C-alpha atoms as a PDB file:
ATOM      1  CA  MET A   1     332.361 -79.591  29.274  1.00  0.00           C
ATOM      2  CA  SER A   2     330.555 -79.344  25.939  1.00  0.00           C
ATOM      3  CA  ASP A   3     329.960 -83.098  25.656  1.00  0.00           C
ATOM      4  CA  VAL A   4     328.089 -83.358  28.956  1.00  0.00           C
ATOM      5  CA  VAL A   5     324.453 -84.372  28.463  1.00  0.00           C
ATOM      6  CA  ARG A   6     322.315 -82.017  30.531  1.00  0.00           C
ATOM      7  CA  PHE A   7     318.669 -81.901  31.522  1.00  0.00           C
ATOM      8  CA  LYS A   8     316.431 -80.576  28.764  1.00  0.00           C
ATOM      9  CA  GLU A   9     313.841 -79.592  31.357  1.00  0.00           C
ATOM     10  CA  ARG A  10     314.405 -78.498  34.941  1.00  0.00           C
ATOM     11  CA  PRO A  11     313.547 -81.190  37.498  1.00  0.00           C
ATOM     12  CA  SER A  12     312.167 -78.446  39.743  1.00  0.00           C
ATOM     13  CA  ASP A  13     309.446 -78.095  37.090  1.00  0.00           C
ATOM     14  CA  THR A  14     309.033 -81.589  35.632  1.00  0.00           C
ATOM     15  CA  LEU A  15     309.110 -83.449  38.957  1.00  0.00           C
ATOM     16  CA  LYS A  16     307.027 -80.963  40.915  1.00  0.00           C
ATOM     17  CA  VAL A  17     303.768 -82.307  42.307  1.00  0.00           C
ATOM     18  CA  GLY A  18     300.984 -80.112  41.038  1.00  0.00           C
ATOM     19  CA  LYS A  19     297.219 -80.107  40.831  1.00  0.00           C
ATOM     20  CA  GLY A  20     295.874 -83.417  39.572  1.00  0.00           C
ATOM     21  CA  PHE A  21     299.126 -85.296  40.210  1.00  0.00           C
ATOM     22  CA  SER A  22     298.758 -89.063  40.535  1.00  0.00           C
ATOM     23  CA  LEU A  23     301.508 -91.133  42.113  1.00  0.00           C
ATOM     24  CA  ALA A  24     299.893 -94.249  40.647  1.00  0.00           C
ATOM     25  CA  ASP A  25     300.455 -92.847  37.149  1.00  0.00           C
ATOM     26  CA  THR A  26     304.124 -92.007  37.754  1.00  0.00           C
ATOM     27  CA  ASP A  27     306.552 -94.492  36.204  1.00  0.00           C
ATOM     28  CA  PRO A  28     309.402 -95.146  38.687  1.00  0.00           C
ATOM     29  CA  ASP A  29     311.527 -96.434  35.810  1.00  0.00           C
ATOM     30  CA  SER A  30     311.316 -93.196  33.832  1.00  0.00           C
ATOM     31  CA  THR A  31     313.877 -90.391  33.520  1.00  0.00           C
ATOM     32  CA  PRO A  32     311.802 -87.212  33.053  1.00  0.00           C
ATOM     33  CA  GLY A  33     313.575 -84.345  31.336  1.00  0.00           C
ATOM     34  CA  TYR A  34     316.850 -86.204  30.854  1.00  0.00           C
ATOM     35  CA  PRO A  35     317.803 -87.577  27.408  1.00  0.00           C
ATOM     36  CA  GLY A  36     321.000 -89.384  28.427  1.00  0.00           C
ATOM     37  CA  ASP A  37     321.822 -92.831  29.763  1.00  0.00           C
ATOM     38  CA  LYS A  38     323.585 -94.044  32.911  1.00  0.00           C
ATOM     39  CA  ASN A  39     327.064 -93.135  31.678  1.00  0.00           C
ATOM     40  CA  ASP A  40     325.880 -89.659  30.695  1.00  0.00           C
ATOM     41  CA  GLY A  41     324.241 -89.220  34.084  1.00  0.00           C
ATOM     42  CA  GLU A  42     327.384 -90.182  35.967  1.00  0.00           C
ATOM     43  CA  VAL A  43     329.400 -87.674  33.927  1.00  0.00           C
ATOM     44  CA  LEU A  44     326.837 -84.957  34.665  1.00  0.00           C
ATOM     45  CA  LEU A  45     326.874 -85.740  38.391  1.00  0.00           C
ATOM     46  CA  ASP A  46     330.637 -85.314  38.481  1.00  0.00           C
ATOM     47  CA  ASP A  47     330.569 -82.216  36.285  1.00  0.00           C
ATOM     48  CA  LEU A  48     328.187 -80.329  38.569  1.00  0.00           C
ATOM     49  CA  ASP A  49     329.921 -81.184  41.845  1.00  0.00           C
ATOM     50  CA  ASP A  50     331.988 -77.993  41.776  1.00  0.00           C
ATOM     51  CA  ASN A  51     328.906 -75.852  41.110  1.00  0.00           C
ATOM     52  CA  LEU A  52     327.169 -77.373  44.110  1.00  0.00           C
ATOM     53  CA  ALA A  53     330.219 -76.900  46.326  1.00  0.00           C
ATOM     54  CA  GLN A  54     330.645 -73.244  45.330  1.00  0.00           C
ATOM     55  CA  LEU A  55     327.004 -72.375  45.937  1.00  0.00           C
ATOM     56  CA  GLN A  56     327.175 -74.049  49.329  1.00  0.00           C
ATOM     57  CA  GLU A  57     330.264 -72.000  50.186  1.00  0.00           C
ATOM     58  CA  GLN A  58     328.472 -68.806  49.160  1.00  0.00           C
ATOM     59  CA  LEU A  59     325.525 -69.767  51.353  1.00  0.00           C
ATOM     60  CA  PHE A  60     327.833 -70.309  54.307  1.00  0.00           C
ATOM     61  CA  ALA A  61     329.822 -67.131  53.617  1.00  0.00           C
ATOM     62  CA  GLU A  62     326.674 -64.996  53.541  1.00  0.00           C
ATOM     63  CA  SER A  63     325.688 -66.299  56.967  1.00  0.00           C
ATOM     64  CA  ARG A  64     328.992 -65.107  58.422  1.00  0.00           C
ATOM     65  CA  PHE A  65     327.892 -61.574  57.589  1.00  0.00           C
ATOM     66  CA  GLY A  66     324.313 -61.711  58.813  1.00  0.00           C
ATOM     67  CA  GLY A  67     322.650 -63.771  56.089  1.00  0.00           C
ATOM     68  CA  THR A  68     319.685 -65.899  57.158  1.00  0.00           C
ATOM     69  CA  LYS A  69     319.290 -68.183  54.152  1.00  0.00           C
ATOM     70  CA  ARG A  70     319.528 -71.949  54.493  1.00  0.00           C
ATOM     71  CA  ILE A  71     318.441 -75.129  52.701  1.00  0.00           C
ATOM     72  CA  LEU A  72     316.484 -78.077  54.082  1.00  0.00           C
ATOM     73  CA  LEU A  73     316.363 -81.205  51.924  1.00  0.00           C
ATOM     74  CA  ILE A  74     313.693 -83.655  53.072  1.00  0.00           C
ATOM     75  CA  LEU A  75     314.093 -87.200  51.739  1.00  0.00           C
ATOM     76  CA  GLN A  76     311.177 -89.593  52.016  1.00  0.00           C
ATOM     77  CA  ALA A  77     310.908 -93.025  50.410  1.00  0.00           C
ATOM     78  CA  MET A  78     310.088 -96.658  50.813  1.00  0.00           C
ATOM     79  CA  ASP A  79     312.959 -98.781  52.126  1.00  0.00           C
ATOM     80  CA  THR A  80     315.851 -99.423  49.671  1.00  0.00           C
ATOM     81  CA  ALA A  81     314.868 -96.436  47.496  1.00  0.00           C
ATOM     82  CA  GLY A  82     318.346 -94.908  47.689  1.00  0.00           C
ATOM     83  CA  LYS A  83     318.325 -92.173  50.317  1.00  0.00           C
ATOM     84  CA  GLY A  84     321.781 -93.226  51.475  1.00  0.00           C
ATOM     85  CA  GLY A  85     323.098 -93.054  47.930  1.00  0.00           C
ATOM     86  CA  ILE A  86     321.810 -89.499  47.606  1.00  0.00           C
ATOM     87  CA  VAL A  87     323.681 -88.536  50.753  1.00  0.00           C
ATOM     88  CA  THR A  88     326.890 -90.200  49.550  1.00  0.00           C
ATOM     89  CA  HIS A  89     326.919 -89.209  45.896  1.00  0.00           C
ATOM     90  CA  VAL A  90     325.185 -85.815  45.968  1.00  0.00           C
ATOM     91  CA  MET A  91     325.805 -84.329  49.397  1.00  0.00           C
ATOM     92  CA  GLY A  92     329.351 -85.704  49.281  1.00  0.00           C
ATOM     93  CA  ALA A  93     330.305 -82.820  46.992  1.00  0.00           C
ATOM     94  CA  MET A  94     329.672 -80.335  49.790  1.00  0.00           C
ATOM     95  CA  ASN A  95     331.896 -79.279  52.660  1.00  0.00           C
ATOM     96  CA  PRO A  96     330.697 -81.447  55.569  1.00  0.00           C
ATOM     97  CA  GLN A  97     331.142 -78.510  57.971  1.00  0.00           C
ATOM     98  CA  GLY A  98     328.231 -76.825  56.217  1.00  0.00           C
ATOM     99  CA  VAL A  99     325.927 -79.849  56.127  1.00  0.00           C
ATOM    100  CA  LYS A 100     323.680 -81.001  58.968  1.00  0.00           C
ATOM    101  CA  MET A 101     322.433 -84.575  58.552  1.00  0.00           C
ATOM    102  CA  LYS A 102     319.639 -86.057  60.610  1.00  0.00           C
ATOM    103  CA  SER A 103     318.183 -89.525  60.238  1.00  0.00           C
ATOM    104  CA  PHE A 104     314.906 -89.834  62.100  1.00  0.00           C
ATOM    105  CA  LYS A 105     314.232 -93.234  63.621  1.00  0.00           C
ATOM    106  CA  ALA A 106     311.291 -94.366  65.747  1.00  0.00           C
ATOM    107  CA  PRO A 107     310.719 -91.739  68.456  1.00  0.00           C
ATOM    108  CA  THR A 108     312.171 -92.300  71.904  1.00  0.00           C
ATOM    109  CA  PRO A 109     309.949 -92.358  75.015  1.00  0.00           C
ATOM    110  CA  GLU A 110     310.951 -88.749  75.708  1.00  0.00           C
ATOM    111  CA  GLU A 111     310.113 -87.669  72.155  1.00  0.00           C
ATOM    112  CA  LYS A 112     306.745 -89.411  72.367  1.00  0.00           C
ATOM    113  CA  SER A 113     305.890 -87.299  75.397  1.00  0.00           C
ATOM    114  CA  TYR A 114     305.894 -84.170  73.208  1.00  0.00           C
ATOM    115  CA  ASP A 115     304.056 -83.185  70.046  1.00  0.00           C
ATOM    116  CA  PHE A 116     305.401 -84.949  66.945  1.00  0.00           C
ATOM    117  CA  LEU A 117     307.122 -81.787  65.674  1.00  0.00           C
ATOM    118  CA  TRP A 118     309.111 -81.237  68.866  1.00  0.00           C
ATOM    119  CA  ARG A 119     312.038 -83.412  67.806  1.00  0.00           C
ATOM    120  CA  ILE A 120     311.906 -81.976  64.283  1.00  0.00           C
ATOM    121  CA  GLU A 121     312.117 -78.343  65.390  1.00  0.00           C
ATOM    122  CA  LYS A 122     315.371 -79.081  67.221  1.00  0.00           C
ATOM    123  CA  GLU A 123     317.081 -80.288  64.045  1.00  0.00           C
ATOM    124  CA  VAL A 124     316.299 -77.530  61.554  1.00  0.00           C
ATOM    125  CA  PRO A 125     319.475 -76.120  59.969  1.00  0.00           C
ATOM    126  CA  ALA A 126     320.996 -72.867  61.144  1.00  0.00           C
ATOM    127  CA  ALA A 127     321.634 -69.949  58.794  1.00  0.00           C
ATOM    128  CA  GLY A 128     324.188 -70.823  56.131  1.00  0.00           C
ATOM    129  CA  MET A 129     323.712 -74.560  56.515  1.00  0.00           C
ATOM    130  CA  VAL A 130     322.315 -77.251  54.249  1.00  0.00           C
ATOM    131  CA  GLY A 131     320.163 -79.576  56.325  1.00  0.00           C
ATOM    132  CA  VAL A 132     319.226 -83.079  55.221  1.00  0.00           C
ATOM    133  CA  PHE A 133     316.411 -85.055  56.810  1.00  0.00           C
ATOM    134  CA  ASP A 134     316.561 -88.793  56.105  1.00  0.00           C
ATOM    135  CA  ARG A 135     312.892 -89.406  56.848  1.00  0.00           C
ATOM    136  CA  SER A 136     311.155 -86.649  58.741  1.00  0.00           C
ATOM    137  CA  HIS A 137     307.948 -85.357  60.280  1.00  0.00           C
ATOM    138  CA  TYR A 138     306.169 -86.972  57.348  1.00  0.00           C
ATOM    139  CA  GLU A 139     306.513 -90.365  59.008  1.00  0.00           C
ATOM    140  CA  ASP A 140     303.790 -89.141  61.361  1.00  0.00           C
ATOM    141  CA  VAL A 141     301.298 -88.949  58.493  1.00  0.00           C
ATOM    142  CA  LEU A 142     302.636 -91.939  56.531  1.00  0.00           C
ATOM    143  CA  ILE A 143     303.304 -94.980  58.706  1.00  0.00           C
ATOM    144  CA  HIS A 144     300.878 -93.613  61.297  1.00  0.00           C
ATOM    145  CA  ARG A 145     298.180 -93.463  58.633  1.00  0.00           C
ATOM    146  CA  VAL A 146     299.003 -96.889  57.202  1.00  0.00           C
ATOM    147  CA  HIS A 147     298.916 -98.657  60.565  1.00  0.00           C
ATOM    148  CA  ARG A 148     296.136 -96.476  61.989  1.00  0.00           C
ATOM    149  CA  TRP A 149     298.272 -95.288  64.870  1.00  0.00           C
ATOM    150  CA  ALA A 150     296.532 -91.935  64.506  1.00  0.00           C
ATOM    151  CA  ASP A 151     292.831 -91.396  63.853  1.00  0.00           C
ATOM    152  CA  PRO A 152     291.582 -89.283  60.904  1.00  0.00           C
ATOM    153  CA  LYS A 153     291.041 -86.202  63.062  1.00  0.00           C
ATOM    154  CA  GLU A 154     294.593 -86.357  64.419  1.00  0.00           C
ATOM    155  CA  LEU A 155     296.019 -86.877  60.934  1.00  0.00           C
ATOM    156  CA  GLU A 156     294.221 -83.759  59.738  1.00  0.00           C
ATOM    157  CA  ARG A 157     295.655 -81.828  62.679  1.00  0.00           C
ATOM    158  CA  ARG A 158     299.131 -83.023  61.725  1.00  0.00           C
ATOM    159  CA  TYR A 159     298.774 -81.993  58.083  1.00  0.00           C
ATOM    160  CA  THR A 160     297.837 -78.513  59.262  1.00  0.00           C
ATOM    161  CA  ALA A 161     300.679 -78.443  61.793  1.00  0.00           C
ATOM    162  CA  ILE A 162     303.168 -79.487  59.109  1.00  0.00           C
ATOM    163  CA  ASN A 163     302.041 -76.700  56.786  1.00  0.00           C
ATOM    164  CA  GLU A 164     302.330 -74.154  59.587  1.00  0.00           C
ATOM    165  CA  PHE A 165     305.755 -75.460  60.609  1.00  0.00           C
ATOM    166  CA  GLU A 166     307.078 -75.312  57.048  1.00  0.00           C
ATOM    167  CA  ALA A 167     305.611 -71.837  56.563  1.00  0.00           C
ATOM    168  CA  ARG A 168     307.503 -70.650  59.654  1.00  0.00           C
ATOM    169  CA  GLN A 169     310.726 -72.146  58.352  1.00  0.00           C
ATOM    170  CA  THR A 170     310.258 -70.516  54.965  1.00  0.00           C
ATOM    171  CA  ALA A 171     309.576 -67.138  56.582  1.00  0.00           C
ATOM    172  CA  SER A 172     312.824 -67.414  58.559  1.00  0.00           C
ATOM    173  CA  GLY A 173     314.925 -67.924  55.426  1.00  0.00           C
ATOM    174  CA  THR A 174     314.756 -71.671  54.817  1.00  0.00           C
ATOM    175  CA  LYS A 175     314.317 -73.027  51.306  1.00  0.00           C
ATOM    176  CA  ILE A 176     312.645 -76.417  51.718  1.00  0.00           C
ATOM    177  CA  VAL A 177     313.217 -79.083  49.063  1.00  0.00           C
ATOM    178  CA  LYS A 178     310.848 -82.012  49.602  1.00  0.00           C
ATOM    179  CA  VAL A 179     311.665 -85.193  47.698  1.00  0.00           C
ATOM    180  CA  MET A 180     309.978 -88.559  47.494  1.00  0.00           C
ATOM    181  CA  LEU A 181     312.221 -91.171  45.859  1.00  0.00           C
ATOM    182  CA  HIS A 182     309.747 -93.378  43.998  1.00  0.00           C
ATOM    183  CA  ILE A 183     310.605 -97.017  43.333  1.00  0.00           C
ATOM    184  CA  SER A 184     308.396 -99.890  42.236  1.00  0.00           C
ATOM    185  CA  GLN A 185     307.510-102.826  44.438  1.00  0.00           C
ATOM    186  CA  ASP A 186     309.359-105.160  42.061  1.00  0.00           C
ATOM    187  CA  GLU A 187     312.470-102.991  42.204  1.00  0.00           C
ATOM    188  CA  GLN A 188     312.389-103.065  45.987  1.00  0.00           C
ATOM    189  CA  LYS A 189     312.216-106.859  45.887  1.00  0.00           C
ATOM    190  CA  GLU A 190     315.328-106.988  43.700  1.00  0.00           C
ATOM    191  CA  ARG A 191     317.201-104.658  46.033  1.00  0.00           C
ATOM    192  CA  LEU A 192     316.225-106.652  49.111  1.00  0.00           C
ATOM    193  CA  LEU A 193     317.420-109.848  47.427  1.00  0.00           C
ATOM    194  CA  ALA A 194     320.661-108.109  46.456  1.00  0.00           C
ATOM    195  CA  ARG A 195     321.268-107.242  50.104  1.00  0.00           C
ATOM    196  CA  LEU A 196     320.760-110.866  51.101  1.00  0.00           C
ATOM    197  CA  ASP A 197     323.182-112.033  48.407  1.00  0.00           C
ATOM    198  CA  ASP A 198     325.966-109.542  49.176  1.00  0.00           C
ATOM    199  CA  PRO A 199     327.892-109.965  52.455  1.00  0.00           C
ATOM    200  CA  SER A 200     328.913-106.303  52.317  1.00  0.00           C
ATOM    201  CA  LYS A 201     325.257-105.208  52.199  1.00  0.00           C
ATOM    202  CA  LEU A 202     323.671-107.830  54.425  1.00  0.00           C
ATOM    203  CA  TRP A 203     323.876-105.479  57.405  1.00  0.00           C
ATOM    204  CA  LYS A 204     321.400-103.173  55.659  1.00  0.00           C
ATOM    205  CA  TYR A 205     318.713-105.847  55.534  1.00  0.00           C
ATOM    206  CA  SER A 206     315.885-105.792  58.038  1.00  0.00           C
ATOM    207  CA  SER A 207     313.027-108.267  58.244  1.00  0.00           C
ATOM    208  CA  ASN A 208     310.842-105.269  59.056  1.00  0.00           C
ATOM    209  CA  ASP A 209     311.306-104.111  55.456  1.00  0.00           C
ATOM    210  CA  LEU A 210     309.590-107.303  54.354  1.00  0.00           C
ATOM    211  CA  LEU A 211     306.714-106.766  56.766  1.00  0.00           C
ATOM    212  CA  GLU A 212     306.102-103.246  55.469  1.00  0.00           C
ATOM    213  CA  ARG A 213     306.007-104.482  51.844  1.00  0.00           C
ATOM    214  CA  ALA A 214     302.635-106.031  52.611  1.00  0.00           C
ATOM    215  CA  PHE A 215     301.262-102.499  53.032  1.00  0.00           C
ATOM    216  CA  TRP A 216     302.657-101.130  49.758  1.00  0.00           C
ATOM    217  CA  SER A 217     299.377 -99.877  48.312  1.00  0.00           C
ATOM    218  CA  ASP A 218     298.467 -98.312  51.654  1.00  0.00           C
ATOM    219  CA  TYR A 219     301.767 -96.435  51.680  1.00  0.00           C
ATOM    220  CA  MET A 220     301.194 -95.185  48.142  1.00  0.00           C
ATOM    221  CA  ASP A 221     297.778 -93.896  49.221  1.00  0.00           C
ATOM    222  CA  ALA A 222     299.343 -92.236  52.272  1.00  0.00           C
ATOM    223  CA  TYR A 223     301.954 -90.507  50.109  1.00  0.00           C
ATOM    224  CA  GLN A 224     299.277 -89.325  47.693  1.00  0.00           C
ATOM    225  CA  LYS A 225     297.317 -87.838  50.580  1.00  0.00           C
ATOM    226  CA  ALA A 226     300.434 -86.174  51.992  1.00  0.00           C
ATOM    227  CA  PHE A 227     301.164 -84.576  48.617  1.00  0.00           C
ATOM    228  CA  GLU A 228     297.620 -83.234  48.412  1.00  0.00           C
ATOM    229  CA  ARG A 229     297.549 -81.877  51.962  1.00  0.00           C
ATOM    230  CA  THR A 230     301.100 -80.563  52.370  1.00  0.00           C
ATOM    231  CA  GLY A 231     302.203 -79.487  48.920  1.00  0.00           C
ATOM    232  CA  THR A 232     302.373 -75.689  49.064  1.00  0.00           C
ATOM    233  CA  GLU A 233     303.706 -72.980  46.783  1.00  0.00           C
ATOM    234  CA  ALA A 234     306.580 -72.279  49.168  1.00  0.00           C
ATOM    235  CA  ALA A 235     307.342 -75.947  49.894  1.00  0.00           C
ATOM    236  CA  PRO A 236     306.164 -78.143  47.018  1.00  0.00           C
ATOM    237  CA  TRP A 237     306.794 -81.854  46.726  1.00  0.00           C
ATOM    238  CA  HIS A 238     308.959 -83.407  44.023  1.00  0.00           C
ATOM    239  CA  VAL A 239     308.534 -87.058  43.088  1.00  0.00           C
ATOM    240  CA  VAL A 240     311.778 -88.474  41.688  1.00  0.00           C
ATOM    241  CA  PRO A 241     311.543 -91.769  39.779  1.00  0.00           C
ATOM    242  CA  ALA A 242     314.217 -93.849  41.490  1.00  0.00           C
ATOM    243  CA  ASN A 243     314.333 -97.297  39.912  1.00  0.00           C
ATOM    244  CA  LYS A 244     317.455 -95.982  38.188  1.00  0.00           C
ATOM    245  CA  LYS A 245     319.715 -94.830  40.996  1.00  0.00           C
ATOM    246  CA  TRP A 246     321.872 -92.736  38.690  1.00  0.00           C
ATOM    247  CA  TYR A 247     318.849 -90.730  37.567  1.00  0.00           C
ATOM    248  CA  ALA A 248     317.624 -90.136  41.105  1.00  0.00           C
ATOM    249  CA  ARG A 249     321.037 -88.756  42.044  1.00  0.00           C
ATOM    250  CA  ILE A 250     321.306 -86.263  39.202  1.00  0.00           C
ATOM    251  CA  ALA A 251     317.683 -85.219  39.693  1.00  0.00           C
ATOM    252  CA  VAL A 252     318.187 -84.441  43.383  1.00  0.00           C
ATOM    253  CA  GLN A 253     321.506 -82.748  42.602  1.00  0.00           C
ATOM    254  CA  GLN A 254     319.714 -80.497  40.113  1.00  0.00           C
ATOM    255  CA  LEU A 255     316.901 -79.773  42.576  1.00  0.00           C
ATOM    256  CA  LEU A 256     319.501 -78.595  45.086  1.00  0.00           C
ATOM    257  CA  LEU A 257     321.278 -76.506  42.458  1.00  0.00           C
ATOM    258  CA  ASP A 258     317.990 -74.900  41.448  1.00  0.00           C
ATOM    259  CA  ALA A 259     317.179 -74.164  45.094  1.00  0.00           C
ATOM    260  CA  LEU A 260     320.584 -72.625  45.787  1.00  0.00           C
ATOM    261  CA  GLU A 261     320.581 -70.594  42.583  1.00  0.00           C
ATOM    262  CA  GLY A 262     317.106 -69.341  43.479  1.00  0.00           C
ATOM    263  CA  LEU A 263     318.509 -67.810  46.664  1.00  0.00           C
ATOM    264  CA  LYS A 264     320.479 -65.292  44.540  1.00  0.00           C
ATOM    265  CA  LEU A 265     323.569 -65.730  46.686  1.00  0.00           C
ATOM    266  CA  GLN A 266     326.369 -63.169  46.639  1.00  0.00           C
ATOM    267  CA  TRP A 267     329.894 -63.247  47.964  1.00  0.00           C
ATOM    268  CA  PRO A 268     329.918 -60.943  51.002  1.00  0.00           C
ATOM    269  CA  VAL A 269     332.165 -57.894  50.875  1.00  0.00           C
ATOM    270  CA  PRO A 270     333.909 -57.450  54.252  1.00  0.00           C
ATOM    271  CA  ASP A 271     334.511 -53.942  55.535  1.00  0.00           C
ATOM    272  CA  LEU A 272     338.237 -54.005  54.831  1.00  0.00           C
ATOM    273  CA  ASP A 273     340.816 -51.624  53.436  1.00  0.00           C
ATOM    274  CA  VAL A 274     342.262 -54.260  51.117  1.00  0.00           C
ATOM    275  CA  PRO A 275     345.397 -52.322  49.998  1.00  0.00           C
ATOM    276  CA  THR A 276     346.290 -51.584  53.620  1.00  0.00           C
ATOM    277  CA  GLU A 277     345.690 -55.191  54.673  1.00  0.00           C
ATOM    278  CA  ARG A 278     347.780 -56.422  51.751  1.00  0.00           C
ATOM    279  CA  GLU A 279     350.645 -54.163  52.778  1.00  0.00           C
ATOM    280  CA  LEU A 280     350.440 -55.413  56.360  1.00  0.00           C
ATOM    281  CA  VAL A 281     350.550 -59.009  55.149  1.00  0.00           C
ATOM    282  CA  LEU A 282     353.578 -58.289  52.972  1.00  0.00           C
ATOM    283  CA  ARG A 283     355.386 -56.733  55.929  1.00  0.00           C
ATOM    284  CA  SER A 284     354.590 -59.587  58.283  1.00  0.00           C
END
């Protein structure tokens, strides 16, 4: 569609956390690289659905013939930032048979008896799959840092363990897309109030969200530290301004498209005598 307003700059470049990045200086109300408005963004989201679906199918098809490539999307954010909306409006374009979703909650007693990465390792996507982590191993260096559930030495060990874990995944064929959906404290307040005012959204509200708001600046510091310690060339972080839900969705959609296109996927060519097979089908 010629009238679709597209990104002028690739989110994989403009939203990438690089040297000298400051979360405090990032405007959560901004729309980096995108010149359109909400209506334009919604049109773009719909327009690119087919592209996303086709690339996912190619990824899956390659795996049926020995391909090892896969995608892992890691979504981190403060509460109400829109992770669920990303899953619904972006991942919804994909064939659910090729998507593996995992939402990480507080660890169970069994999970606590192992190293923090034990439960994560079990959920990594298989070849040909697109994995989505709603929260992840990063909780162990975010909330654990904020509430001092881990001492500085242990946190440093975890940063190192995360980098080693992600390096192993990358070496095995996984393209990791790490996203922090960045909203403002005021925007979170509005979204919490909206949940309280809407009977259809009241179930999403948790008083714990209110308790964690008191630690906002501590969380921002913890995210900044995580970016500095775990942003690597193979698995960089991307901070997506998310006060505008529509922008966050098209930005993550484009990050996934960029990741899939970067895999240089090809339709596999089965070892078939096509004319003979066609003749057999016609005779059947």
